[in-house]
Protein backbone atom coordinates (compact mmCIF):
# COMPACT_ATOMS: atom_id res chain seq x y z
CA MET A 1 -27.44 -1.46 22.82
CA LEU A 2 -25.62 -4.72 23.41
CA GLY A 3 -22.53 -2.88 24.67
CA THR A 4 -21.89 -0.97 21.44
CA GLU A 5 -19.81 1.77 23.11
CA ILE A 6 -16.11 1.24 23.75
CA GLU A 7 -15.39 1.71 27.46
CA LEU A 8 -12.79 4.31 28.28
CA MET A 9 -10.04 3.88 30.90
CA ASP A 10 -9.28 6.43 33.57
CA GLY A 11 -8.00 9.64 32.05
CA GLU A 12 -8.79 8.50 28.51
CA GLU A 13 -10.60 10.86 26.09
CA MET A 14 -12.59 9.80 23.01
CA ILE A 15 -11.34 11.54 19.85
CA LEU A 16 -13.40 9.65 17.24
CA ALA A 17 -15.98 6.82 17.44
CA SER A 18 -17.86 5.46 14.46
CA ASN A 19 -19.71 2.44 13.05
CA PRO A 20 -18.73 1.00 9.69
CA HIS A 21 -19.57 2.92 6.53
CA TRP A 22 -23.11 2.34 5.12
CA PHE A 23 -21.45 0.39 2.24
CA TYR A 24 -21.44 -2.42 4.82
CA PHE A 25 -25.03 -3.08 3.59
CA TRP A 26 -24.21 -3.40 -0.11
CA LYS A 27 -25.29 -7.05 -0.28
CA GLN A 28 -28.71 -6.24 1.23
CA VAL A 29 -29.11 -3.34 -1.25
CA ALA A 30 -28.23 -5.63 -4.17
CA ALA A 31 -30.72 -8.22 -2.93
CA ALA A 32 -33.45 -5.57 -2.64
CA VAL A 33 -32.82 -4.53 -6.27
CA GLY A 34 -33.16 -8.19 -7.26
CA ILE A 35 -36.49 -8.47 -5.44
CA LEU A 36 -37.72 -5.33 -7.20
CA GLY A 37 -36.78 -6.94 -10.49
CA LEU A 38 -38.86 -10.02 -9.60
CA LEU A 39 -41.85 -7.71 -8.75
CA LEU A 40 -41.55 -6.03 -12.14
CA ILE A 41 -41.52 -9.41 -13.87
CA LEU A 42 -44.50 -10.52 -11.78
CA TRP A 43 -46.38 -7.31 -12.69
CA THR A 44 -45.91 -7.94 -16.46
CA LEU A 45 -47.04 -11.59 -16.30
CA ASP A 46 -50.60 -12.78 -16.59
CA ASP A 47 -52.08 -14.92 -13.85
CA GLY A 48 -50.83 -18.48 -14.13
CA THR A 49 -48.48 -21.12 -12.74
CA LEU A 50 -45.33 -19.14 -13.60
CA GLY A 51 -46.70 -16.04 -11.98
CA ASP A 52 -47.60 -18.00 -8.83
CA VAL A 53 -44.10 -19.48 -8.63
CA ILE A 54 -42.38 -16.06 -9.06
CA GLY A 55 -44.81 -14.63 -6.51
CA TRP A 56 -43.90 -17.22 -3.88
CA VAL A 57 -40.19 -16.90 -4.65
CA THR A 58 -40.45 -13.12 -4.26
CA LEU A 59 -42.27 -13.45 -0.95
CA VAL A 60 -39.72 -15.90 0.47
CA ALA A 61 -36.83 -13.75 -0.79
CA PHE A 62 -38.38 -10.68 0.84
CA ILE A 63 -38.75 -12.45 4.23
CA VAL A 64 -35.16 -13.74 4.06
CA LEU A 65 -33.93 -10.28 3.14
CA LEU A 66 -35.86 -8.68 5.97
CA LEU A 67 -34.46 -11.08 8.58
CA ASP A 68 -30.94 -10.80 7.17
CA THR A 69 -31.12 -7.03 7.19
CA ILE A 70 -32.19 -6.96 10.83
CA PHE A 71 -29.36 -9.30 11.75
CA GLU A 72 -26.72 -7.32 9.84
CA PHE A 73 -28.01 -4.05 11.30
CA VAL A 74 -27.45 -5.39 14.81
CA GLN A 75 -23.98 -6.54 13.69
CA TRP A 76 -23.31 -3.09 12.27
CA LYS A 77 -24.34 -1.41 15.52
CA THR A 78 -21.96 -3.60 17.54
CA ASN A 79 -19.01 -2.89 15.20
CA ARG A 80 -17.26 0.10 16.66
CA PHE A 81 -14.01 1.82 15.62
CA ALA A 82 -12.50 4.40 17.95
CA ILE A 83 -9.52 6.71 18.39
CA THR A 84 -8.70 8.01 21.84
CA ASN A 85 -5.80 9.97 23.31
CA GLN A 86 -4.24 6.67 24.36
CA ARG A 87 -5.06 3.97 21.75
CA VAL A 88 -6.89 2.88 18.63
CA ALA A 89 -9.67 0.40 19.50
CA TYR A 90 -12.06 -1.82 17.63
CA GLN A 91 -14.79 -4.17 18.80
CA SER A 92 -17.43 -6.28 17.10
CA GLY A 93 -19.82 -9.19 17.60
CA ILE A 94 -23.11 -9.92 19.29
CA LEU A 95 -22.80 -13.08 21.33
CA ARG A 96 -19.18 -13.72 20.56
CA ARG A 97 -17.28 -10.52 21.14
CA ARG A 98 -13.96 -9.55 19.45
CA GLY A 99 -11.81 -6.60 20.31
CA VAL A 100 -8.52 -5.00 19.28
CA SER A 101 -6.70 -2.32 21.25
CA ILE A 102 -3.46 -0.72 19.90
CA PRO A 103 -1.62 1.70 22.21
CA LEU A 104 -0.47 4.86 20.43
CA ASN A 105 3.15 4.32 21.44
CA ARG A 106 3.18 0.99 19.57
CA ILE A 107 1.93 2.39 16.27
CA ASN A 108 4.69 2.57 13.62
CA ASN A 109 2.70 3.59 10.57
CA VAL A 110 -0.85 4.06 9.28
CA ASN A 111 -1.96 3.48 5.67
CA PHE A 112 -5.32 3.76 3.92
CA GLU A 113 -6.60 2.35 0.69
CA GLN A 114 -9.54 3.38 -1.51
CA SER A 115 -10.74 2.07 -4.84
CA PHE A 116 -12.35 4.46 -7.30
CA VAL A 117 -15.85 3.49 -6.10
CA ALA A 118 -14.74 3.78 -2.47
CA ARG A 119 -13.42 7.26 -3.09
CA LEU A 120 -16.85 8.30 -4.45
CA LEU A 121 -18.49 6.85 -1.36
CA ASN A 122 -15.80 8.20 1.03
CA ASN A 123 -15.15 4.71 2.33
CA GLY A 124 -11.94 2.71 2.62
CA VAL A 125 -9.56 0.38 4.40
CA VAL A 126 -7.19 1.55 7.16
CA THR A 127 -4.11 -0.55 7.98
CA ILE A 128 -2.14 0.10 11.16
CA GLU A 129 1.39 -1.21 11.41
CA SER A 130 2.33 -1.74 15.05
CA ALA A 131 5.12 -3.22 17.09
CA GLY A 132 4.35 -6.64 18.60
CA GLU A 133 3.38 -10.15 17.60
CA THR A 134 0.02 -9.21 16.11
CA GLY A 135 1.58 -7.34 13.16
CA ASP A 136 -0.65 -5.29 10.86
CA SER A 137 -4.25 -4.62 11.84
CA VAL A 138 -6.66 -4.10 8.91
CA PHE A 139 -9.95 -2.28 9.41
CA GLU A 140 -12.48 -2.28 6.59
CA ASN A 141 -15.46 -0.02 5.80
CA ILE A 142 -13.96 2.96 7.63
CA PRO A 143 -15.70 6.27 6.79
CA ASP A 144 -13.34 8.99 5.53
CA PRO A 145 -10.15 6.89 5.95
CA GLU A 146 -7.81 9.77 5.01
CA ARG A 147 -9.12 11.86 7.90
CA VAL A 148 -8.92 8.85 10.22
CA ARG A 149 -5.23 8.44 9.28
CA GLY A 150 -4.58 12.07 10.02
CA LEU A 151 -6.27 11.84 13.41
CA ILE A 152 -4.24 8.80 14.42
CA PHE A 153 -0.97 10.46 13.45
CA ALA A 154 -1.98 13.59 15.36
CA GLN A 155 -2.66 11.55 18.51
CA VAL A 156 0.55 9.58 18.13
CA GLU A 157 2.50 12.89 17.90
CA ALA A 158 0.61 14.29 20.93
CA ASP A 159 1.33 11.08 22.87
CA GLU A 160 5.06 11.31 22.05
CA GLN A 161 5.11 14.97 23.16
CA ALA A 162 3.37 14.03 26.43
CA ASP A 163 5.93 11.28 27.06
CA SER A 164 8.73 13.79 26.33
CA ASP A 165 7.23 16.33 28.76
CA ARG A 166 6.85 13.66 31.45
CA ASP A 167 10.51 12.54 30.95
CA ALA A 168 11.69 16.14 31.13
CA ALA A 169 9.70 16.73 34.34
CA ALA A 170 11.08 13.48 35.83
CA LEU A 171 14.64 14.47 34.88
CA ALA A 172 14.23 17.93 36.36
CA LYS A 173 12.89 16.43 39.59
CA ALA A 174 15.76 13.94 39.78
CA MET A 175 18.29 16.73 39.17
CA GLN A 176 16.71 18.81 41.95
CA GLN A 177 16.88 15.88 44.36
CA HIS A 178 20.43 14.76 43.56
CA MET A 179 22.26 17.91 42.44
CA PRO A 180 23.47 20.42 45.04
CA ALA A 181 22.50 24.01 44.43
CA THR A 182 25.25 26.63 44.02
CA GLY A 183 26.08 28.07 47.45
CA PRO A 184 27.38 31.52 48.33
CA GLY A 185 30.93 31.93 47.18
CA GLY A 186 30.80 28.75 45.08
CA GLY A 187 32.07 29.66 41.64
CA ALA A 188 30.39 28.69 38.41
CA GLU A 189 33.21 26.26 37.58
CA LYS A 190 32.84 24.42 40.88
CA SER A 191 29.05 24.32 40.54
CA ALA A 192 29.35 22.90 37.03
CA GLN A 193 31.77 20.23 38.28
CA GLU A 194 29.37 19.19 40.98
CA ARG A 195 26.46 19.12 38.58
CA LEU A 196 28.40 17.05 36.11
CA ALA A 197 29.37 14.60 38.84
CA ALA A 198 25.79 14.37 40.01
CA LEU A 199 24.65 13.82 36.43
CA ASP A 200 27.14 10.99 36.06
CA GLU A 201 25.71 9.47 39.24
CA LEU A 202 22.13 9.73 37.89
CA ARG A 203 23.21 7.96 34.71
CA ALA A 204 24.96 5.21 36.67
CA GLN A 205 21.80 4.67 38.69
CA GLY A 206 19.71 4.46 35.51
CA LEU A 207 17.66 7.54 36.34
CA VAL A 208 18.46 9.18 32.99
CA ASN A 209 19.02 7.61 29.58
CA ASP A 210 21.87 8.37 27.16
CA ASP A 211 19.96 11.04 25.24
CA GLU A 212 18.89 12.87 28.41
CA TYR A 213 22.43 12.60 29.77
CA ALA A 214 24.03 14.08 26.63
CA ALA A 215 21.51 16.93 26.44
CA LYS A 216 21.86 17.88 30.12
CA ARG A 217 25.64 17.59 30.05
CA GLN A 218 25.80 19.95 27.03
CA GLN A 219 23.49 22.39 28.82
CA ILE A 220 25.78 22.44 31.88
CA LEU A 221 28.89 22.92 29.73
CA ASP A 222 27.22 25.79 27.84
CA GLU A 223 26.64 27.59 31.15
CA ILE A 224 30.38 27.59 32.04
């Protein structure tokens, strides 16, 4: 309906997708209680001018509430918060669309906030601190915000591990391509010297960073 689902990119997996908490409709609920109060007053009054006025006011209020509820329901359906294995995403709006996409590797911290009433309703505000010009992103009416915070941290950790695994695989491939294997009769000391020299060359070419260089150098020295 009206593009309510967040489109996934190639290789992206949906971890969590939700609409805002039902507390989103608290104004409509309060208005409905007010209309019920008018009906009770109307029921206790005798027929007369005052009763007619309250009756018309109640009817108009009910029509306005019905139209507003329909509009807000459509808005609610188009508000979508999602966590994937690559980003945190949010989109909203009917005719004028608005969207936010925060890559996991740019997330610095995630906080959530709940008032006493929000805790009873399991509703809250999630704030994501990320690197970049946009600064903090605040998302309101998030169901079970503590669980959402945990899911985001879990995906950030998984993303960091995946990056580490990719870097390790790339380093191993570069070492294979640039470092000569130990030949017959080539002693361990000579092999280590050749590997250290090749490692220095990889670093000079920018194929490994300082941390990777230090870790691999120590590994070679430990093998001597």
